[in-house]
Protein backbone atom coordinates (compact mmCIF):
# COMPACT_ATOMS: atom_id res chain seq x y z
CA MET A 1 137.02 75.10 113.94
CA PRO A 2 134.54 72.16 114.04
CA PRO A 3 131.31 72.44 112.04
CA HIS A 4 128.26 73.87 113.82
CA ARG A 5 126.18 71.13 115.43
CA ARG A 6 122.59 71.12 114.23
CA SER A 7 119.68 70.72 116.59
CA ALA A 8 117.45 67.67 116.92
CA SER A 9 115.16 69.20 114.29
CA GLY A 10 117.93 68.76 111.72
CA TYR A 11 118.09 72.48 110.96
CA ARG A 12 120.31 75.25 112.22
CA GLY A 13 118.50 77.74 114.50
CA VAL A 14 115.34 75.61 114.92
CA ARG A 15 114.03 73.97 118.09
CA GLN A 16 110.86 72.00 118.66
CA ARG A 17 108.47 73.33 121.29
CA PRO A 18 106.65 70.99 123.69
CA ASN A 19 103.34 71.94 121.99
CA GLY A 20 104.58 70.56 118.66
CA GLY A 21 105.45 73.89 117.02
CA PHE A 22 108.92 74.81 115.86
CA TYR A 23 110.72 77.89 117.18
CA ALA A 24 113.32 79.71 115.08
CA GLU A 25 115.97 82.05 116.43
CA ILE A 26 119.27 83.47 115.25
CA ARG A 27 122.14 84.91 117.21
CA SER A 28 123.87 88.14 116.34
CA GLY A 29 126.80 88.76 118.63
CA ASP A 30 125.46 88.53 122.18
CA LEU A 31 121.85 89.03 121.04
CA ARG A 32 119.41 86.20 120.48
CA LEU A 33 116.78 87.25 117.92
CA SER A 34 113.46 85.42 117.98
CA LEU A 35 112.06 84.69 114.52
CA GLY A 36 108.77 83.18 115.70
CA THR A 37 107.00 79.84 115.95
CA TYR A 38 106.10 77.81 112.86
CA ASP A 39 104.06 74.70 112.10
CA THR A 40 106.98 72.72 110.61
CA ALA A 41 110.74 72.59 111.09
CA HIS A 42 111.15 73.29 107.36
CA GLU A 43 109.22 76.58 107.62
CA ALA A 44 111.24 77.65 110.67
CA ALA A 45 114.47 76.84 108.82
CA ARG A 46 113.34 78.99 105.87
CA ALA A 47 112.74 81.88 108.29
CA PHE A 48 116.22 81.34 109.77
CA ASP A 49 117.78 81.51 106.31
CA ALA A 50 115.95 84.76 105.47
CA ALA A 51 117.30 86.30 108.70
CA ALA A 52 120.78 84.94 107.96
CA TRP A 53 120.71 86.61 104.53
CA ARG A 54 119.65 89.91 106.14
CA LEU A 55 122.53 89.67 108.61
CA GLY A 56 125.01 88.97 105.81
CA ARG A 57 125.92 85.46 106.95
CA PRO A 58 127.92 83.20 104.61
CA ARG A 59 125.87 80.64 102.69
CA LEU A 60 127.66 77.84 104.53
CA GLN A 61 125.83 78.90 107.70
CA MET A 62 122.40 78.50 106.12
CA ASN A 63 120.05 75.54 105.98
CA PHE A 64 119.25 75.60 102.25
CA PRO A 65 122.12 75.98 99.78
CA ASP A 66 119.67 76.26 96.85
CA VAL A 67 118.79 79.88 97.77
CA HIS A 68 121.03 82.39 96.01
CA THR A 69 119.61 85.84 96.89
CA LEU A 70 118.00 87.66 99.79
CA GLN A 71 114.82 88.18 97.77
CA GLN A 72 114.55 84.45 97.06
CA ALA A 73 115.02 83.69 100.77
CA LEU A 74 112.33 86.23 101.71
CA ASP A 75 109.91 84.79 99.13
CA LEU A 76 110.34 81.28 100.57
CA ALA A 77 110.10 82.27 104.25
CA PRO A 78 106.56 81.86 105.66
CA PRO A 79 105.03 84.28 108.19
CA PRO A 80 105.25 83.05 111.80
CA ARG A 81 102.29 81.31 113.38
CA LEU A 82 100.29 83.86 115.35
CA ASN A 83 99.09 83.11 118.85
CA SER A 84 95.83 84.96 119.38
CA ALA A 85 94.20 85.84 122.68
CA GLN A 86 91.78 82.97 122.04
CA ASP A 87 94.71 80.54 121.63
CA ARG A 88 96.18 81.70 124.94
CA ALA A 89 92.79 81.41 126.69
CA GLU A 90 92.31 77.86 125.38
CA HIS A 91 95.81 76.93 126.54
CA THR A 92 95.13 78.35 130.01
CA ALA A 93 91.83 76.43 130.25
CA LEU A 94 93.59 73.21 129.22
CA GLN A 95 96.29 73.78 131.86
CA ARG A 96 93.61 74.27 134.52
CA ARG A 97 91.83 71.05 133.52
CA LEU A 98 95.13 69.16 133.69
CA LEU A 99 95.86 70.54 137.17
CA VAL A 100 92.37 69.54 138.38
CA ALA A 101 92.79 66.04 136.91
CA GLN A 102 96.18 65.64 138.60
CA GLU A 103 94.71 66.78 141.93
CA ASP A 104 91.80 64.30 141.55
CA GLU A 105 94.27 61.47 140.88
CA ARG A 106 96.31 62.41 143.93
CA VAL A 107 93.21 62.50 146.17
CA MET A 108 92.00 59.12 144.87
CA ALA A 109 95.44 57.59 145.45
CA GLU A 110 95.31 58.64 149.13
């Protein structure tokens, strides 16, 4: 069986979001378990490894071979970045401004 291909982030189970954050997830059978969004790919990879330890995955399927116990993996894994109601409201306002700007550009082009 060929080795698992890593994502563009360089870590297993980590993808970069368009907003610059890094999303971590792990699969367990047919389920895809979300581990949250993090500020760096390294933090997301640490969260992936903690989940992999909890699921009993072999160490070869983890991002960091220097972790030897579940407790060590949990200690190194950061909490996910929280998106508050204020964050969502600011994002919505930004999206509206972008839509208005695009509409203004289209009108001026005509």
